[in-house]
Amino acid sequence: MISIVIPTYNSSRFMPDLLESIFKQAVDNMEVIIVDDCSKDDTVEIAKKYPARVLQMEKNGGPARARNRGVKEAKGDIIFFLDSDVLVLDGTVREVKDYFEKNPSANCVIGVCATEPLNRGFVPTYMAMFEYIHLVSAREGKVSVFAPRCGAIKKELFQRVGGYDESYKGADVEDFELARRIIKVDSIFLDPKMLVRHQFVNNFNEAVRNYFKRAVMWIHLFLKDRQLDNAGPTSPSNGIAAICSFLSFISLFFMPAIPAARNIFGALVIIFIISNLKWWNFMRREAGLLFAVRALFLNYLLGIDIIVATIYGLVSYPLKK
């Protein structure tokens, strides 16, 4: 049986489309569990209009705790996690069921976000395409990340590794932390046929804040377990690009006094471009040259943001401990 677990918090604007997208492709032996984390809007009232089990948390504790509660109450042996701000594309629920039937030894699999996000605009489209190409490019279909916006795991494995770490109160890096424990005992596979459309951040300012926060928390996690990711936006190639962005930006300030700074700037920019060629060519083919050029510039700025966050994460980690 498949238990679809969805944590919600003030998600009323997403619920009708999300639940419609699930129930119109219902499969045998499926249940939908909504775990509401003390919403202040009419999320619960909307959810109760559908054939879903609605659980209400007594106190707001974050998505990690809500997901753990959903798994605890689930009847299925397969847990299919979805975020509340997604739309499940046709065939995805069936694909989850078929994947585990065709691959009985698999215990964990994630899908991907489609290149067309739920919200329109340059920044969300860039983020959707950037994440998509970095996941589908994973070698051998194995990844070191687990995305609860579209990820399925056998209940036995989830419970064996201890579930989500409930010390993470927001939508932070609890998914990365869980993945670290999963890959120590099993594999996480990628199935690009499992597709959702996701609501990404709306604009540049939101992207900067989101990247900074998650980069700091990811650095704390990395310093704790010394584990890099082999796929997704946190893969090493993106780290190299971010370092080149930051160092080339710093070199601009030395150009008036140090002539060699021009050469350093040029070399760093070249490395930055080479590191980003795979996703840049993908965006150029899918969205056009102008979009790809804008995306490269945005990536450059976000790379600076990430390294500043990394420095802050390195300095703040001892204080956190």
C-alpha atoms as a PDB file:
ATOM      1  CA  MET A   1       0.000   0.000   0.000  1.00  0.00           C
ATOM      2  CA  ILE A   2       1.173   3.533  -0.773  1.00  0.00           C
ATOM      3  CA  SER A   3       0.714   6.194   1.892  1.00  0.00           C
ATOM      4  CA  ILE A   4       1.083   9.721   0.520  1.00  0.00           C
ATOM      5  CA  VAL A   5       2.216  12.000   3.367  1.00  0.00           C
ATOM      6  CA  ILE A   6       1.890  15.765   2.970  1.00  0.00           C
ATOM      7  CA  PRO A   7       2.834  18.254   5.714  1.00  0.00           C
ATOM      8  CA  THR A   8       0.915  21.546   5.506  1.00  0.00           C
ATOM      9  CA  TYR A   9       1.115  24.976   7.035  1.00  0.00           C
ATOM     10  CA  ASN A  10      -1.067  27.788   5.690  1.00  0.00           C
ATOM     11  CA  SER A  11      -1.288  25.913   2.396  1.00  0.00           C
ATOM     12  CA  SER A  12      -4.898  26.670   1.484  1.00  0.00           C
ATOM     13  CA  ARG A  13      -4.049  28.210  -1.896  1.00  0.00           C
ATOM     14  CA  PHE A  14      -2.247  25.042  -2.984  1.00  0.00           C
ATOM     15  CA  MET A  15      -4.529  22.357  -1.560  1.00  0.00           C
ATOM     16  CA  PRO A  16      -7.309  22.146  -4.201  1.00  0.00           C
ATOM     17  CA  ASP A  17      -4.944  21.759  -7.169  1.00  0.00           C
ATOM     18  CA  LEU A  18      -2.592  19.440  -5.273  1.00  0.00           C
ATOM     19  CA  LEU A  19      -5.311  17.085  -4.055  1.00  0.00           C
ATOM     20  CA  GLU A  20      -7.112  17.120  -7.397  1.00  0.00           C
ATOM     21  CA  SER A  21      -3.855  16.169  -9.114  1.00  0.00           C
ATOM     22  CA  ILE A  22      -3.438  13.214  -6.723  1.00  0.00           C
ATOM     23  CA  PHE A  23      -6.937  11.791  -6.651  1.00  0.00           C
ATOM     24  CA  LYS A  24      -7.509  11.961 -10.396  1.00  0.00           C
ATOM     25  CA  GLN A  25      -4.685   9.401 -10.786  1.00  0.00           C
ATOM     26  CA  ALA A  26      -5.547   7.268  -7.773  1.00  0.00           C
ATOM     27  CA  VAL A  27      -4.195   3.725  -7.731  1.00  0.00           C
ATOM     28  CA  ASP A  28      -5.284   0.658  -5.796  1.00  0.00           C
ATOM     29  CA  ASN A  29      -4.257   0.539  -2.143  1.00  0.00           C
ATOM     30  CA  MET A  30      -3.485   4.231  -1.760  1.00  0.00           C
ATOM     31  CA  GLU A  31      -4.132   6.598   1.110  1.00  0.00           C
ATOM     32  CA  VAL A  32      -3.467  10.331   1.437  1.00  0.00           C
ATOM     33  CA  ILE A  33      -2.461  11.718   4.823  1.00  0.00           C
ATOM     34  CA  ILE A  34      -2.474  15.472   5.399  1.00  0.00           C
ATOM     35  CA  VAL A  35      -0.555  16.494   8.520  1.00  0.00           C
ATOM     36  CA  ASP A  36      -1.425  20.090   9.325  1.00  0.00           C
ATOM     37  CA  ASP A  37       1.097  21.967  11.429  1.00  0.00           C
ATOM     38  CA  CYS A  38      -1.346  24.389  13.101  1.00  0.00           C
ATOM     39  CA  SER A  39      -2.336  26.388  10.029  1.00  0.00           C
ATOM     40  CA  LYS A  40      -4.037  29.724  10.596  1.00  0.00           C
ATOM     41  CA  ASP A  41      -5.922  29.666   7.303  1.00  0.00           C
ATOM     42  CA  ASP A  42      -8.538  27.220   5.987  1.00  0.00           C
ATOM     43  CA  THR A  43      -6.086  24.497   4.922  1.00  0.00           C
ATOM     44  CA  VAL A  44      -7.767  21.890   7.122  1.00  0.00           C
ATOM     45  CA  GLU A  45     -11.280  22.769   5.972  1.00  0.00           C
ATOM     46  CA  ILE A  46     -10.254  22.420   2.323  1.00  0.00           C
ATOM     47  CA  ALA A  47      -8.404  19.148   2.915  1.00  0.00           C
ATOM     48  CA  LYS A  48     -11.439  17.625   4.640  1.00  0.00           C
ATOM     49  CA  LYS A  49     -13.442  18.033   1.443  1.00  0.00           C
ATOM     50  CA  TYR A  50     -11.322  15.279  -0.114  1.00  0.00           C
ATOM     51  CA  PRO A  51     -11.036  11.559   0.785  1.00  0.00           C
ATOM     52  CA  ALA A  52      -7.861  12.177   2.771  1.00  0.00           C
ATOM     53  CA  ARG A  53      -6.978  11.520   6.398  1.00  0.00           C
ATOM     54  CA  VAL A  54      -6.365  14.883   8.052  1.00  0.00           C
ATOM     55  CA  LEU A  55      -4.163  14.896  11.146  1.00  0.00           C
ATOM     56  CA  GLN A  56      -3.740  18.089  13.149  1.00  0.00           C
ATOM     57  CA  MET A  57      -0.626  18.728  15.197  1.00  0.00           C
ATOM     58  CA  GLU A  58      -1.235  20.062  18.680  1.00  0.00           C
ATOM     59  CA  LYS A  59       1.696  22.473  18.432  1.00  0.00           C
ATOM     60  CA  ASN A  60       3.621  23.883  15.479  1.00  0.00           C
ATOM     61  CA  GLY A  61       6.825  21.859  15.193  1.00  0.00           C
ATOM     62  CA  GLY A  62       7.946  22.117  11.583  1.00  0.00           C
ATOM     63  CA  PRO A  63       7.722  19.822   8.532  1.00  0.00           C
ATOM     64  CA  ALA A  64      10.180  17.241   9.904  1.00  0.00           C
ATOM     65  CA  ARG A  65       7.962  16.526  12.899  1.00  0.00           C
ATOM     66  CA  ALA A  66       4.813  16.594  10.754  1.00  0.00           C
ATOM     67  CA  ARG A  67       6.254  14.057   8.315  1.00  0.00           C
ATOM     68  CA  ASN A  68       7.283  11.757  11.159  1.00  0.00           C
ATOM     69  CA  ARG A  69       3.737  11.937  12.526  1.00  0.00           C
ATOM     70  CA  GLY A  70       2.344  11.080   9.097  1.00  0.00           C
ATOM     71  CA  VAL A  71       4.597   8.036   8.763  1.00  0.00           C
ATOM     72  CA  LYS A  72       3.667   6.868  12.242  1.00  0.00           C
ATOM     73  CA  GLU A  73      -0.021   6.941  11.304  1.00  0.00           C
ATOM     74  CA  ALA A  74       0.483   5.499   7.810  1.00  0.00           C
ATOM     75  CA  LYS A  75      -0.903   2.073   6.938  1.00  0.00           C
ATOM     76  CA  GLY A  76       1.203   1.581   3.814  1.00  0.00           C
ATOM     77  CA  ASP A  77       4.572  -0.089   3.458  1.00  0.00           C
ATOM     78  CA  ILE A  78       5.614   2.601   0.954  1.00  0.00           C
ATOM     79  CA  ILE A  79       5.677   6.252   2.038  1.00  0.00           C
ATOM     80  CA  PHE A  80       5.391   8.791  -0.767  1.00  0.00           C
ATOM     81  CA  PHE A  81       6.318  12.245   0.518  1.00  0.00           C
ATOM     82  CA  LEU A  82       5.020  15.352  -1.200  1.00  0.00           C
ATOM     83  CA  ASP A  83       5.327  19.008  -0.256  1.00  0.00           C
ATOM     84  CA  SER A  84       2.142  21.023  -0.070  1.00  0.00           C
ATOM     85  CA  ASP A  85       3.254  23.500  -2.756  1.00  0.00           C
ATOM     86  CA  VAL A  86       3.498  21.036  -5.638  1.00  0.00           C
ATOM     87  CA  LEU A  87       1.272  19.726  -8.397  1.00  0.00           C
ATOM     88  CA  VAL A  88       1.627  16.003  -9.146  1.00  0.00           C
ATOM     89  CA  LEU A  89       1.901  15.369 -12.871  1.00  0.00           C
ATOM     90  CA  ASP A  90      -0.149  12.622 -14.499  1.00  0.00           C
ATOM     91  CA  GLY A  91       1.254   9.128 -14.074  1.00  0.00           C
ATOM     92  CA  THR A  92       3.521   9.947 -11.125  1.00  0.00           C
ATOM     93  CA  VAL A  93       1.556   8.071  -8.452  1.00  0.00           C
ATOM     94  CA  ARG A  94       1.359   5.029 -10.732  1.00  0.00           C
ATOM     95  CA  GLU A  95       5.085   5.359 -11.416  1.00  0.00           C
ATOM     96  CA  VAL A  96       5.852   5.140  -7.685  1.00  0.00           C
ATOM     97  CA  LYS A  97       3.867   1.919  -7.419  1.00  0.00           C
ATOM     98  CA  ASP A  98       5.393   0.474 -10.604  1.00  0.00           C
ATOM     99  CA  TYR A  99       8.941   1.424  -9.638  1.00  0.00           C
ATOM    100  CA  PHE A 100       8.923  -0.619  -6.436  1.00  0.00           C
ATOM    101  CA  GLU A 101       7.178  -3.531  -8.151  1.00  0.00           C
ATOM    102  CA  LYS A 102       9.767  -3.593 -10.956  1.00  0.00           C
ATOM    103  CA  ASN A 103      12.690  -3.011  -8.580  1.00  0.00           C
ATOM    104  CA  PRO A 104      11.893  -5.070  -5.470  1.00  0.00           C
ATOM    105  CA  SER A 105      15.375  -4.538  -4.011  1.00  0.00           C
ATOM    106  CA  ALA A 106      14.988  -0.733  -4.111  1.00  0.00           C
ATOM    107  CA  ASN A 107      13.967   0.913  -0.855  1.00  0.00           C
ATOM    108  CA  CYS A 108      14.180   4.617  -1.667  1.00  0.00           C
ATOM    109  CA  VAL A 109      13.596   6.678  -4.809  1.00  0.00           C
ATOM    110  CA  ILE A 110      13.113  10.349  -5.582  1.00  0.00           C
ATOM    111  CA  GLY A 111      11.544  12.126  -8.509  1.00  0.00           C
ATOM    112  CA  VAL A 112      12.278  15.542  -9.976  1.00  0.00           C
ATOM    113  CA  CYS A 113      10.607  18.896 -10.328  1.00  0.00           C
ATOM    114  CA  ALA A 114       9.514  19.668 -13.868  1.00  0.00           C
ATOM    115  CA  THR A 115      11.263  22.518 -15.656  1.00  0.00           C
ATOM    116  CA  GLU A 116       8.027  24.509 -15.573  1.00  0.00           C
ATOM    117  CA  PRO A 117       7.421  25.749 -12.000  1.00  0.00           C
ATOM    118  CA  LEU A 118       4.025  26.584 -10.558  1.00  0.00           C
ATOM    119  CA  ASN A 119       4.874  30.271 -10.336  1.00  0.00           C
ATOM    120  CA  ARG A 120       5.876  32.226 -13.404  1.00  0.00           C
ATOM    121  CA  GLY A 121       8.930  34.418 -13.776  1.00  0.00           C
ATOM    122  CA  PHE A 122      12.602  34.263 -14.641  1.00  0.00           C
ATOM    123  CA  VAL A 123      13.933  33.343 -11.179  1.00  0.00           C
ATOM    124  CA  PRO A 124      11.566  30.417 -10.458  1.00  0.00           C
ATOM    125  CA  THR A 125      12.047  29.071 -13.989  1.00  0.00           C
ATOM    126  CA  TYR A 126      15.829  29.279 -13.608  1.00  0.00           C
ATOM    127  CA  MET A 127      15.674  27.430 -10.280  1.00  0.00           C
ATOM    128  CA  ALA A 128      13.384  24.718 -11.647  1.00  0.00           C
ATOM    129  CA  MET A 129      15.592  24.105 -14.679  1.00  0.00           C
ATOM    130  CA  PHE A 130      18.799  24.311 -12.644  1.00  0.00           C
ATOM    131  CA  GLU A 131      17.600  21.675 -10.184  1.00  0.00           C
ATOM    132  CA  TYR A 132      16.175  19.454 -12.907  1.00  0.00           C
ATOM    133  CA  ILE A 133      19.335  19.170 -15.011  1.00  0.00           C
ATOM    134  CA  HIS A 134      21.547  18.584 -11.968  1.00  0.00           C
ATOM    135  CA  LEU A 135      19.407  15.691 -10.800  1.00  0.00           C
ATOM    136  CA  VAL A 136      18.745  13.929 -14.093  1.00  0.00           C
ATOM    137  CA  SER A 137      22.470  14.042 -14.849  1.00  0.00           C
ATOM    138  CA  ALA A 138      23.257  11.809 -11.865  1.00  0.00           C
ATOM    139  CA  ARG A 139      25.447   8.867 -12.774  1.00  0.00           C
ATOM    140  CA  GLU A 140      23.939   5.377 -12.627  1.00  0.00           C
ATOM    141  CA  GLY A 141      20.643   6.833 -11.427  1.00  0.00           C
ATOM    142  CA  LYS A 142      21.877   7.005  -7.826  1.00  0.00           C
ATOM    143  CA  VAL A 143      21.871  10.209  -5.792  1.00  0.00           C
ATOM    144  CA  SER A 144      22.948  11.276  -2.314  1.00  0.00           C
ATOM    145  CA  VAL A 145      19.963  13.555  -1.701  1.00  0.00           C
ATOM    146  CA  PHE A 146      16.383  12.853  -0.689  1.00  0.00           C
ATOM    147  CA  ALA A 147      13.733  15.348  -1.780  1.00  0.00           C
ATOM    148  CA  PRO A 148      10.480  15.108   0.212  1.00  0.00           C
ATOM    149  CA  ARG A 149       8.736  17.322  -2.331  1.00  0.00           C
ATOM    150  CA  CYS A 150       8.634  14.134  -4.440  1.00  0.00           C
ATOM    151  CA  GLY A 151      10.297  11.167  -2.788  1.00  0.00           C
ATOM    152  CA  ALA A 152       9.253   7.651  -1.819  1.00  0.00           C
ATOM    153  CA  ILE A 153      10.776   5.350   0.757  1.00  0.00           C
ATOM    154  CA  LYS A 154       9.801   2.034   2.271  1.00  0.00           C
ATOM    155  CA  LYS A 155       8.455   2.530   5.764  1.00  0.00           C
ATOM    156  CA  GLU A 156      10.797  -0.079   7.197  1.00  0.00           C
ATOM    157  CA  LEU A 157      13.893   1.790   5.985  1.00  0.00           C
ATOM    158  CA  PHE A 158      12.538   5.164   7.127  1.00  0.00           C
ATOM    159  CA  GLN A 159      11.970   3.827  10.621  1.00  0.00           C
ATOM    160  CA  ARG A 160      15.284   1.977  10.658  1.00  0.00           C
ATOM    161  CA  VAL A 161      17.281   5.166  10.043  1.00  0.00           C
ATOM    162  CA  GLY A 162      15.239   7.068  12.618  1.00  0.00           C
ATOM    163  CA  GLY A 163      13.051   9.295  10.442  1.00  0.00           C
ATOM    164  CA  TYR A 164      13.490  13.034  10.161  1.00  0.00           C
ATOM    165  CA  ASP A 165      15.552  14.939  12.708  1.00  0.00           C
ATOM    166  CA  GLU A 166      12.918  17.025  14.474  1.00  0.00           C
ATOM    167  CA  SER A 167      15.472  19.555  15.738  1.00  0.00           C
ATOM    168  CA  TYR A 168      15.080  21.187  12.312  1.00  0.00           C
ATOM    169  CA  LYS A 169      12.049  23.417  12.822  1.00  0.00           C
ATOM    170  CA  GLY A 170      11.726  24.918   9.347  1.00  0.00           C
ATOM    171  CA  ALA A 171      12.006  23.755   5.757  1.00  0.00           C
ATOM    172  CA  ASP A 172      15.767  23.762   6.076  1.00  0.00           C
ATOM    173  CA  VAL A 173      18.237  20.938   5.335  1.00  0.00           C
ATOM    174  CA  GLU A 174      16.368  18.187   7.159  1.00  0.00           C
ATOM    175  CA  ASP A 175      16.097  16.387   3.819  1.00  0.00           C
ATOM    176  CA  PHE A 176      19.880  16.429   3.303  1.00  0.00           C
ATOM    177  CA  GLU A 177      20.444  15.211   6.863  1.00  0.00           C
ATOM    178  CA  LEU A 178      18.046  12.305   6.384  1.00  0.00           C
ATOM    179  CA  ALA A 179      19.735  11.389   3.098  1.00  0.00           C
ATOM    180  CA  ARG A 180      23.103  11.145   4.882  1.00  0.00           C
ATOM    181  CA  ARG A 181      21.708   8.439   7.158  1.00  0.00           C
ATOM    182  CA  ILE A 182      19.934   6.616   4.334  1.00  0.00           C
ATOM    183  CA  ILE A 183      23.002   6.257   2.104  1.00  0.00           C
ATOM    184  CA  LYS A 184      24.998   4.796   4.989  1.00  0.00           C
ATOM    185  CA  VAL A 185      22.782   1.708   4.897  1.00  0.00           C
ATOM    186  CA  ASP A 186      21.097   1.736   1.473  1.00  0.00           C
ATOM    187  CA  SER A 187      20.856   3.546  -1.890  1.00  0.00           C
ATOM    188  CA  ILE A 188      18.709   6.431  -3.080  1.00  0.00           C
ATOM    189  CA  PHE A 189      17.650   6.048  -6.711  1.00  0.00           C
ATOM    190  CA  LEU A 190      16.364   8.646  -9.136  1.00  0.00           C
ATOM    191  CA  ASP A 191      13.331   8.104 -11.337  1.00  0.00           C
ATOM    192  CA  PRO A 192      12.787  11.058 -13.723  1.00  0.00           C
ATOM    193  CA  LYS A 193       9.316   9.700 -14.540  1.00  0.00           C
ATOM    194  CA  MET A 194       8.199  10.810 -11.069  1.00  0.00           C
ATOM    195  CA  LEU A 195       7.393  14.452 -11.771  1.00  0.00           C
ATOM    196  CA  VAL A 196       5.898  17.370  -9.891  1.00  0.00           C
ATOM    197  CA  ARG A 197       5.630  21.062 -10.575  1.00  0.00           C
ATOM    198  CA  HIS A 198       6.936  23.048  -7.635  1.00  0.00           C
ATOM    199  CA  GLN A 199       6.479  26.563  -6.284  1.00  0.00           C
ATOM    200  CA  PHE A 200       9.949  28.115  -6.152  1.00  0.00           C
ATOM    201  CA  VAL A 201      10.938  31.504  -4.742  1.00  0.00           C
ATOM    202  CA  ASN A 202       9.495  34.411  -6.706  1.00  0.00           C
ATOM    203  CA  ASN A 203      12.347  36.872  -7.156  1.00  0.00           C
ATOM    204  CA  PHE A 204      16.042  37.614  -6.725  1.00  0.00           C
ATOM    205  CA  ASN A 205      15.779  38.907  -3.141  1.00  0.00           C
ATOM    206  CA  GLU A 206      13.951  35.779  -2.014  1.00  0.00           C
ATOM    207  CA  ALA A 207      16.512  33.610  -3.803  1.00  0.00           C
ATOM    208  CA  VAL A 208      19.406  35.366  -2.046  1.00  0.00           C
ATOM    209  CA  ARG A 209      17.813  34.900   1.376  1.00  0.00           C
ATOM    210  CA  ASN A 210      16.898  31.278   0.653  1.00  0.00           C
ATOM    211  CA  TYR A 211      20.342  30.352  -0.691  1.00  0.00           C
ATOM    212  CA  PHE A 212      22.116  32.083   2.194  1.00  0.00           C
ATOM    213  CA  LYS A 213      20.080  30.339   4.872  1.00  0.00           C
ATOM    214  CA  ARG A 214      20.300  26.884   3.313  1.00  0.00           C
ATOM    215  CA  ALA A 215      24.009  27.282   2.496  1.00  0.00           C
ATOM    216  CA  VAL A 216      24.816  28.109   6.123  1.00  0.00           C
ATOM    217  CA  MET A 217      22.859  25.099   7.355  1.00  0.00           C
ATOM    218  CA  TRP A 218      24.364  22.845   4.674  1.00  0.00           C
ATOM    219  CA  ILE A 219      27.884  23.893   5.744  1.00  0.00           C
ATOM    220  CA  HIS A 220      27.031  23.063   9.352  1.00  0.00           C
ATOM    221  CA  LEU A 221      25.817  19.669   8.195  1.00  0.00           C
ATOM    222  CA  PHE A 222      28.929  19.121   6.075  1.00  0.00           C
ATOM    223  CA  LEU A 223      31.256  19.989   8.966  1.00  0.00           C
ATOM    224  CA  LYS A 224      29.359  17.486  11.072  1.00  0.00           C
ATOM    225  CA  ASP A 225      29.574  14.489   8.713  1.00  0.00           C
ATOM    226  CA  ARG A 226      32.121  15.519   6.004  1.00  0.00           C
ATOM    227  CA  GLN A 227      29.804  14.257   3.249  1.00  0.00           C
ATOM    228  CA  LEU A 228      29.512  15.868  -0.212  1.00  0.00           C
ATOM    229  CA  ASP A 229      26.573  15.395  -2.578  1.00  0.00           C
ATOM    230  CA  ASN A 230      26.877  13.761  -5.985  1.00  0.00           C
ATOM    231  CA  ALA A 231      23.819  15.410  -7.530  1.00  0.00           C
ATOM    232  CA  GLY A 232      21.576  18.433  -7.260  1.00  0.00           C
ATOM    233  CA  PRO A 233      22.511  22.087  -6.680  1.00  0.00           C
ATOM    234  CA  THR A 234      24.957  21.150  -3.898  1.00  0.00           C
ATOM    235  CA  SER A 235      27.176  18.988  -6.129  1.00  0.00           C
ATOM    236  CA  PRO A 236      30.941  19.786  -6.201  1.00  0.00           C
ATOM    237  CA  SER A 237      30.878  21.396  -9.672  1.00  0.00           C
ATOM    238  CA  ASN A 238      28.519  24.058  -8.381  1.00  0.00           C
ATOM    239  CA  GLY A 239      30.802  24.624  -5.419  1.00  0.00           C
ATOM    240  CA  ILE A 240      33.702  25.248  -7.787  1.00  0.00           C
ATOM    241  CA  ALA A 241      31.590  27.705  -9.798  1.00  0.00           C
ATOM    242  CA  ALA A 242      30.568  29.547  -6.624  1.00  0.00           C
ATOM    243  CA  ILE A 243      34.193  29.855  -5.471  1.00  0.00           C
ATOM    244  CA  CYS A 244      35.167  31.270  -8.866  1.00  0.00           C
ATOM    245  CA  SER A 245      32.295  33.767  -8.691  1.00  0.00           C
ATOM    246  CA  PHE A 246      33.383  35.014  -5.296  1.00  0.00           C
ATOM    247  CA  LEU A 247      37.126  35.179  -6.005  1.00  0.00           C
ATOM    248  CA  SER A 248      36.669  36.851  -9.393  1.00  0.00           C
ATOM    249  CA  PHE A 249      34.424  39.460  -7.764  1.00  0.00           C
ATOM    250  CA  ILE A 250      37.058  40.125  -5.097  1.00  0.00           C
ATOM    251  CA  SER A 251      39.774  40.421  -7.753  1.00  0.00           C
ATOM    252  CA  LEU A 252      37.906  43.372  -9.304  1.00  0.00           C
ATOM    253  CA  PHE A 253      38.868  45.509  -6.307  1.00  0.00           C
ATOM    254  CA  PHE A 254      42.559  44.773  -6.811  1.00  0.00           C
ATOM    255  CA  MET A 255      42.712  45.635 -10.507  1.00  0.00           C
ATOM    256  CA  PRO A 256      43.640  49.324 -10.067  1.00  0.00           C
ATOM    257  CA  ALA A 257      46.654  48.457  -7.886  1.00  0.00           C
ATOM    258  CA  ILE A 258      47.684  45.018  -9.127  1.00  0.00           C
ATOM    259  CA  PRO A 259      47.834  44.491 -12.924  1.00  0.00           C
ATOM    260  CA  ALA A 260      47.928  40.699 -12.526  1.00  0.00           C
ATOM    261  CA  ALA A 261      44.439  40.855 -11.023  1.00  0.00           C
ATOM    262  CA  ARG A 262      43.035  41.222 -14.554  1.00  0.00           C
ATOM    263  CA  ASN A 263      44.495  37.880 -15.562  1.00  0.00           C
ATOM    264  CA  ILE A 264      43.285  36.270 -12.369  1.00  0.00           C
ATOM    265  CA  PHE A 265      39.797  37.642 -12.974  1.00  0.00           C
ATOM    266  CA  GLY A 266      39.784  36.333 -16.549  1.00  0.00           C
ATOM    267  CA  ALA A 267      41.006  32.864 -15.543  1.00  0.00           C
ATOM    268  CA  LEU A 268      38.405  32.582 -12.776  1.00  0.00           C
ATOM    269  CA  VAL A 269      35.587  33.635 -15.091  1.00  0.00           C
ATOM    270  CA  ILE A 270      36.664  31.016 -17.637  1.00  0.00           C
ATOM    271  CA  ILE A 271      36.654  28.290 -14.960  1.00  0.00           C
ATOM    272  CA  PHE A 272      33.252  29.551 -13.802  1.00  0.00           C
ATOM    273  CA  ILE A 273      31.828  29.245 -17.309  1.00  0.00           C
ATOM    274  CA  ILE A 274      33.354  25.799 -17.909  1.00  0.00           C
ATOM    275  CA  SER A 275      31.952  24.539 -14.591  1.00  0.00           C
ATOM    276  CA  ASN A 276      28.486  25.686 -15.664  1.00  0.00           C
ATOM    277  CA  LEU A 277      28.512  24.578 -19.299  1.00  0.00           C
ATOM    278  CA  LYS A 278      26.294  21.518 -18.869  1.00  0.00           C
ATOM    279  CA  TRP A 279      23.339  23.296 -17.297  1.00  0.00           C
ATOM    280  CA  TRP A 280      23.923  26.449 -19.388  1.00  0.00           C
ATOM    281  CA  ASN A 281      23.668  24.512 -22.664  1.00  0.00           C
ATOM    282  CA  PHE A 282      20.541  22.805 -21.372  1.00  0.00           C
ATOM    283  CA  MET A 283      18.876  26.139 -20.606  1.00  0.00           C
ATOM    284  CA  ARG A 284      20.000  27.579 -23.925  1.00  0.00           C
ATOM    285  CA  ARG A 285      18.370  24.710 -25.792  1.00  0.00           C
ATOM    286  CA  GLU A 286      15.198  24.750 -23.689  1.00  0.00           C
ATOM    287  CA  ALA A 287      14.633  28.471 -23.103  1.00  0.00           C
ATOM    288  CA  GLY A 288      16.802  30.352 -25.587  1.00  0.00           C
ATOM    289  CA  LEU A 289      20.109  32.227 -25.582  1.00  0.00           C
ATOM    290  CA  LEU A 290      18.863  35.357 -23.807  1.00  0.00           C
ATOM    291  CA  PHE A 291      17.421  33.322 -20.934  1.00  0.00           C
ATOM    292  CA  ALA A 292      20.658  31.321 -20.628  1.00  0.00           C
ATOM    293  CA  VAL A 293      22.796  34.485 -20.516  1.00  0.00           C
ATOM    294  CA  ARG A 294      20.606  35.971 -17.795  1.00  0.00           C
ATOM    295  CA  ALA A 295      20.761  32.649 -15.950  1.00  0.00           C
ATOM    296  CA  LEU A 296      24.565  32.673 -16.040  1.00  0.00           C
ATOM    297  CA  PHE A 297      24.648  36.167 -14.542  1.00  0.00           C
ATOM    298  CA  LEU A 298      22.150  35.172 -11.845  1.00  0.00           C
ATOM    299  CA  ASN A 299      24.219  32.089 -11.063  1.00  0.00           C
ATOM    300  CA  TYR A 300      27.295  34.327 -10.713  1.00  0.00           C
ATOM    301  CA  LEU A 301      25.552  36.550  -8.164  1.00  0.00           C
ATOM    302  CA  LEU A 302      24.111  33.605  -6.245  1.00  0.00           C
ATOM    303  CA  GLY A 303      27.585  32.042  -6.201  1.00  0.00           C
ATOM    304  CA  ILE A 304      28.893  35.095  -4.345  1.00  0.00           C
ATOM    305  CA  ASP A 305      25.970  34.815  -1.953  1.00  0.00           C
ATOM    306  CA  ILE A 306      26.718  31.127  -1.332  1.00  0.00           C
ATOM    307  CA  ILE A 307      30.404  31.717  -0.518  1.00  0.00           C
ATOM    308  CA  VAL A 308      29.562  34.563   1.855  1.00  0.00           C
ATOM    309  CA  ALA A 309      27.116  32.167   3.534  1.00  0.00           C
ATOM    310  CA  THR A 310      29.811  29.479   3.578  1.00  0.00           C
ATOM    311  CA  ILE A 311      32.228  31.796   5.370  1.00  0.00           C
ATOM    312  CA  TYR A 312      29.535  32.680   7.866  1.00  0.00           C
ATOM    313  CA  GLY A 313      28.729  28.983   8.303  1.00  0.00           C
ATOM    314  CA  LEU A 314      32.386  28.143   8.997  1.00  0.00           C
ATOM    315  CA  VAL A 315      32.676  30.903  11.585  1.00  0.00           C
ATOM    316  CA  SER A 316      29.341  30.182  13.267  1.00  0.00           C
ATOM    317  CA  TYR A 317      29.683  26.385  13.415  1.00  0.00           C
ATOM    318  CA  PRO A 318      31.858  26.309  16.572  1.00  0.00           C
ATOM    319  CA  LEU A 319      29.382  28.647  18.263  1.00  0.00           C
ATOM    320  CA  LYS A 320      26.491  26.397  17.191  1.00  0.00           C
ATOM    321  CA  LYS A 321      28.211  23.369  18.700  1.00  0.00           C
END
